[in-house]
């Protein structure tokens, strides 16, 4: 039976692509109580993080941090941008 919807979302391992560890792995999404991190987290499923190029990850994190967090809810920013066709 295929998982879809909320069940699938909960079962995915979400990581912060803005924080990369020295060993090359990604930090888990979310923060422990009292933990401080530089910058606002950009979280995606681990499978998507591995499929993205370094430039795509940098671009997504840059746009997320530029959007800031001005209100009580975090800002959602698209992971991929559309290329402009003229």
N, C-alpha and C. Protein backbone atom coordinates (compact mmCIF):
# COMPACT_ATOMS: atom_id res chain seq x y z
N UNK A 1 0.84 -1.19 0.00
CA UNK A 1 0.00 0.00 0.00
C UNK A 1 0.88 1.25 0.00
N UNK A 2 0.66 2.12 -0.93
CA UNK A 2 1.47 3.33 -1.05
C UNK A 2 1.10 4.35 0.02
N UNK A 3 2.13 4.97 0.56
CA UNK A 3 1.89 6.03 1.54
C UNK A 3 1.74 7.35 0.82
N UNK A 4 0.80 8.15 1.23
CA UNK A 4 0.66 9.47 0.63
C UNK A 4 0.10 10.43 1.66
N UNK A 5 0.22 11.69 1.35
CA UNK A 5 -0.31 12.71 2.24
C UNK A 5 0.52 12.87 3.50
N UNK A 6 -0.17 13.06 4.60
CA UNK A 6 0.49 13.35 5.87
C UNK A 6 1.35 12.19 6.36
N UNK A 7 0.91 10.96 6.15
CA UNK A 7 1.70 9.81 6.60
C UNK A 7 3.07 9.78 5.91
N UNK A 8 3.09 10.05 4.62
CA UNK A 8 4.35 10.06 3.88
C UNK A 8 5.24 11.20 4.38
N UNK A 9 4.64 12.37 4.59
CA UNK A 9 5.39 13.54 5.04
C UNK A 9 6.05 13.28 6.39
N UNK A 10 5.33 12.65 7.30
CA UNK A 10 5.86 12.37 8.64
C UNK A 10 6.99 11.35 8.57
N UNK A 11 6.90 10.38 7.66
CA UNK A 11 7.90 9.32 7.59
C UNK A 11 9.21 9.77 6.93
N UNK A 12 9.20 10.89 6.21
CA UNK A 12 10.42 11.38 5.57
C UNK A 12 11.36 11.97 6.61
N UNK A 13 12.65 11.83 6.38
CA UNK A 13 13.65 12.41 7.28
C UNK A 13 13.97 13.81 6.77
N UNK A 14 13.58 14.83 7.52
CA UNK A 14 13.78 16.22 7.12
C UNK A 14 15.11 16.74 7.67
N UNK A 15 15.87 17.41 6.80
CA UNK A 15 17.18 17.95 7.18
C UNK A 15 17.27 19.43 6.82
N UNK A 16 18.17 20.12 7.47
CA UNK A 16 18.41 21.53 7.23
C UNK A 16 19.55 21.65 6.23
N UNK A 17 19.25 22.10 5.00
CA UNK A 17 20.29 22.18 3.97
C UNK A 17 21.18 23.41 4.15
N UNK A 18 20.82 24.28 5.08
CA UNK A 18 21.64 25.46 5.36
C UNK A 18 22.78 25.18 6.31
N UNK A 19 22.74 24.04 6.99
CA UNK A 19 23.78 23.68 7.95
C UNK A 19 24.37 22.33 7.55
N UNK A 20 25.58 22.35 7.05
CA UNK A 20 26.24 21.12 6.65
C UNK A 20 27.33 20.82 7.68
N UNK A 21 27.42 19.58 8.09
CA UNK A 21 28.43 19.18 9.06
C UNK A 21 29.78 18.96 8.38
N UNK A 22 30.83 18.85 9.19
CA UNK A 22 32.18 18.66 8.64
C UNK A 22 32.31 17.35 7.88
N UNK A 23 31.53 16.33 8.27
CA UNK A 23 31.62 15.04 7.59
C UNK A 23 30.79 14.99 6.31
N UNK A 24 30.11 16.11 5.97
CA UNK A 24 29.33 16.19 4.74
C UNK A 24 27.86 15.89 4.90
N UNK A 25 27.44 15.45 6.09
CA UNK A 25 26.02 15.16 6.32
C UNK A 25 25.28 16.45 6.69
N UNK A 26 23.97 16.37 6.67
CA UNK A 26 23.14 17.52 7.01
C UNK A 26 22.63 17.39 8.44
N UNK A 27 22.46 18.53 9.10
CA UNK A 27 21.89 18.54 10.44
C UNK A 27 20.39 18.27 10.33
N UNK A 28 19.81 17.62 11.32
CA UNK A 28 18.36 17.40 11.27
C UNK A 28 17.61 18.71 11.38
N UNK A 29 16.41 18.74 10.82
CA UNK A 29 15.60 19.95 10.85
C UNK A 29 15.07 20.16 12.27
N UNK A 30 14.94 21.40 12.64
CA UNK A 30 14.48 21.72 14.00
C UNK A 30 15.66 21.94 14.91
N UNK A 31 15.38 22.44 16.08
CA UNK A 31 16.44 22.73 17.02
C UNK A 31 16.10 22.15 18.38
N UNK A 32 17.13 21.73 19.09
CA UNK A 32 16.94 21.28 20.46
C UNK A 32 16.77 22.49 21.35
N UNK A 33 16.23 22.30 22.53
CA UNK A 33 16.01 23.42 23.43
C UNK A 33 17.36 24.07 23.77
N UNK A 34 17.43 25.38 23.57
CA UNK A 34 18.63 26.13 23.89
C UNK A 34 19.70 26.10 22.80
N UNK A 35 19.48 25.36 21.72
CA UNK A 35 20.48 25.27 20.65
C UNK A 35 20.45 26.53 19.80
N UNK A 36 21.63 27.02 19.48
CA UNK A 36 21.76 28.21 18.63
C UNK A 36 22.38 27.78 17.31
N UNK A 37 21.84 28.32 16.22
CA UNK A 37 22.43 28.09 14.89
C UNK A 37 22.49 29.40 14.16
N UNK A 38 23.49 29.52 13.31
CA UNK A 38 23.64 30.72 12.50
C UNK A 38 22.66 30.63 11.33
N UNK A 39 21.86 31.65 11.13
CA UNK A 39 20.95 31.68 10.00
C UNK A 39 19.66 30.93 10.26
N UNK A 40 18.66 31.20 9.43
CA UNK A 40 17.36 30.56 9.56
C UNK A 40 17.38 29.25 8.79
N UNK A 41 16.82 28.16 9.32
CA UNK A 41 16.91 26.86 8.65
C UNK A 41 16.04 26.76 7.39
N UNK A 42 16.54 26.07 6.39
CA UNK A 42 15.78 25.73 5.18
C UNK A 42 15.72 24.21 5.17
N UNK A 43 14.54 23.67 5.45
CA UNK A 43 14.39 22.22 5.60
C UNK A 43 13.73 21.58 4.39
N UNK A 44 14.29 20.45 3.99
CA UNK A 44 13.76 19.64 2.90
C UNK A 44 13.95 18.17 3.27
N UNK A 45 13.21 17.26 2.64
CA UNK A 45 13.44 15.83 2.89
C UNK A 45 14.87 15.44 2.46
N UNK A 46 15.46 14.49 3.16
CA UNK A 46 16.83 14.07 2.89
C UNK A 46 17.02 13.63 1.44
N UNK A 47 16.05 12.92 0.87
CA UNK A 47 16.16 12.46 -0.52
C UNK A 47 16.27 13.64 -1.47
N UNK A 48 15.50 14.70 -1.23
CA UNK A 48 15.56 15.89 -2.08
C UNK A 48 16.89 16.62 -1.89
N UNK A 49 17.37 16.69 -0.65
CA UNK A 49 18.64 17.37 -0.35
C UNK A 49 19.79 16.69 -1.10
N UNK A 50 19.77 15.38 -1.14
CA UNK A 50 20.84 14.64 -1.83
C UNK A 50 20.75 14.81 -3.34
N UNK A 51 19.54 14.98 -3.86
CA UNK A 51 19.35 15.12 -5.30
C UNK A 51 19.69 16.51 -5.80
N UNK A 52 19.74 17.49 -4.92
CA UNK A 52 20.01 18.88 -5.32
C UNK A 52 21.51 19.09 -5.50
N UNK A 53 21.87 19.98 -6.42
CA UNK A 53 23.28 20.34 -6.59
C UNK A 53 23.65 21.34 -5.50
N UNK A 54 24.92 21.57 -5.34
CA UNK A 54 25.39 22.52 -4.33
C UNK A 54 24.85 23.92 -4.61
N UNK A 55 24.81 24.31 -5.87
CA UNK A 55 24.29 25.62 -6.26
C UNK A 55 22.81 25.77 -5.97
N UNK A 56 22.05 24.70 -6.20
CA UNK A 56 20.61 24.73 -5.91
C UNK A 56 20.37 24.88 -4.41
N UNK A 57 21.16 24.16 -3.60
CA UNK A 57 21.02 24.27 -2.14
C UNK A 57 21.35 25.68 -1.68
N UNK A 58 22.45 26.23 -2.19
CA UNK A 58 22.86 27.58 -1.80
C UNK A 58 21.80 28.61 -2.17
N UNK A 59 21.23 28.48 -3.36
CA UNK A 59 20.21 29.41 -3.83
C UNK A 59 18.97 29.35 -2.95
N UNK A 60 18.53 28.14 -2.60
CA UNK A 60 17.34 27.97 -1.77
C UNK A 60 17.55 28.57 -0.38
N UNK A 61 18.72 28.33 0.21
CA UNK A 61 19.02 28.86 1.54
C UNK A 61 19.11 30.38 1.50
N UNK A 62 19.72 30.91 0.45
CA UNK A 62 19.86 32.36 0.31
C UNK A 62 18.49 33.04 0.22
N UNK A 63 17.57 32.46 -0.57
CA UNK A 63 16.23 33.04 -0.71
C UNK A 63 15.44 32.91 0.59
N UNK A 64 15.61 31.81 1.31
CA UNK A 64 14.90 31.61 2.58
C UNK A 64 15.36 32.65 3.60
N UNK A 65 16.66 32.86 3.70
CA UNK A 65 17.18 33.81 4.68
C UNK A 65 16.86 35.25 4.30
N UNK A 66 16.80 35.52 3.00
CA UNK A 66 16.45 36.87 2.53
C UNK A 66 14.99 37.19 2.87
N UNK A 67 14.12 36.17 2.85
CA UNK A 67 12.70 36.37 3.17
C UNK A 67 12.53 36.71 4.64
N UNK A 68 13.44 36.23 5.47
CA UNK A 68 13.39 36.55 6.89
C UNK A 68 12.22 35.90 7.60
N UNK A 69 12.11 36.21 8.87
CA UNK A 69 11.01 35.68 9.68
C UNK A 69 10.46 36.85 10.48
N UNK A 70 9.57 37.60 9.86
CA UNK A 70 9.09 38.83 10.48
C UNK A 70 7.88 38.63 11.38
N UNK A 71 7.20 37.51 11.25
CA UNK A 71 5.98 37.30 12.03
C UNK A 71 6.06 36.08 12.91
N UNK A 72 4.93 35.72 13.50
CA UNK A 72 4.93 34.55 14.37
C UNK A 72 5.08 33.23 13.61
N UNK A 73 4.77 33.23 12.32
CA UNK A 73 4.89 32.02 11.51
C UNK A 73 6.09 32.14 10.58
N UNK A 74 6.80 31.04 10.31
CA UNK A 74 7.93 31.10 9.38
C UNK A 74 7.47 31.33 7.95
N UNK A 75 8.32 31.98 7.15
CA UNK A 75 8.02 32.22 5.73
C UNK A 75 8.32 30.96 4.94
N UNK A 76 7.43 30.61 4.03
CA UNK A 76 7.68 29.50 3.11
C UNK A 76 8.29 30.06 1.83
N UNK A 77 9.36 29.43 1.39
CA UNK A 77 10.05 29.83 0.17
C UNK A 77 10.20 28.60 -0.71
N UNK A 78 9.91 28.75 -1.99
CA UNK A 78 10.03 27.61 -2.91
C UNK A 78 11.47 27.12 -2.94
N UNK A 79 11.62 25.80 -3.00
CA UNK A 79 12.95 25.20 -3.02
C UNK A 79 13.62 25.43 -4.37
N UNK A 80 12.86 25.34 -5.45
CA UNK A 80 13.41 25.55 -6.79
C UNK A 80 12.75 26.76 -7.44
N UNK A 81 13.52 27.54 -8.17
CA UNK A 81 12.95 28.67 -8.90
C UNK A 81 12.70 28.26 -10.34
N UNK A 82 11.77 28.89 -10.95
CA UNK A 82 11.50 28.62 -12.37
C UNK A 82 12.45 29.46 -13.22
N UNK A 83 12.96 28.85 -14.28
CA UNK A 83 13.79 29.64 -15.19
C UNK A 83 12.90 30.49 -16.05
N UNK A 84 13.34 31.71 -16.32
CA UNK A 84 12.53 32.63 -17.11
C UNK A 84 12.69 32.31 -18.60
N UNK A 85 11.57 32.24 -19.28
CA UNK A 85 11.60 32.03 -20.73
C UNK A 85 11.08 33.29 -21.37
N UNK A 86 11.82 33.90 -22.24
CA UNK A 86 11.43 35.15 -22.89
C UNK A 86 10.87 34.90 -24.23
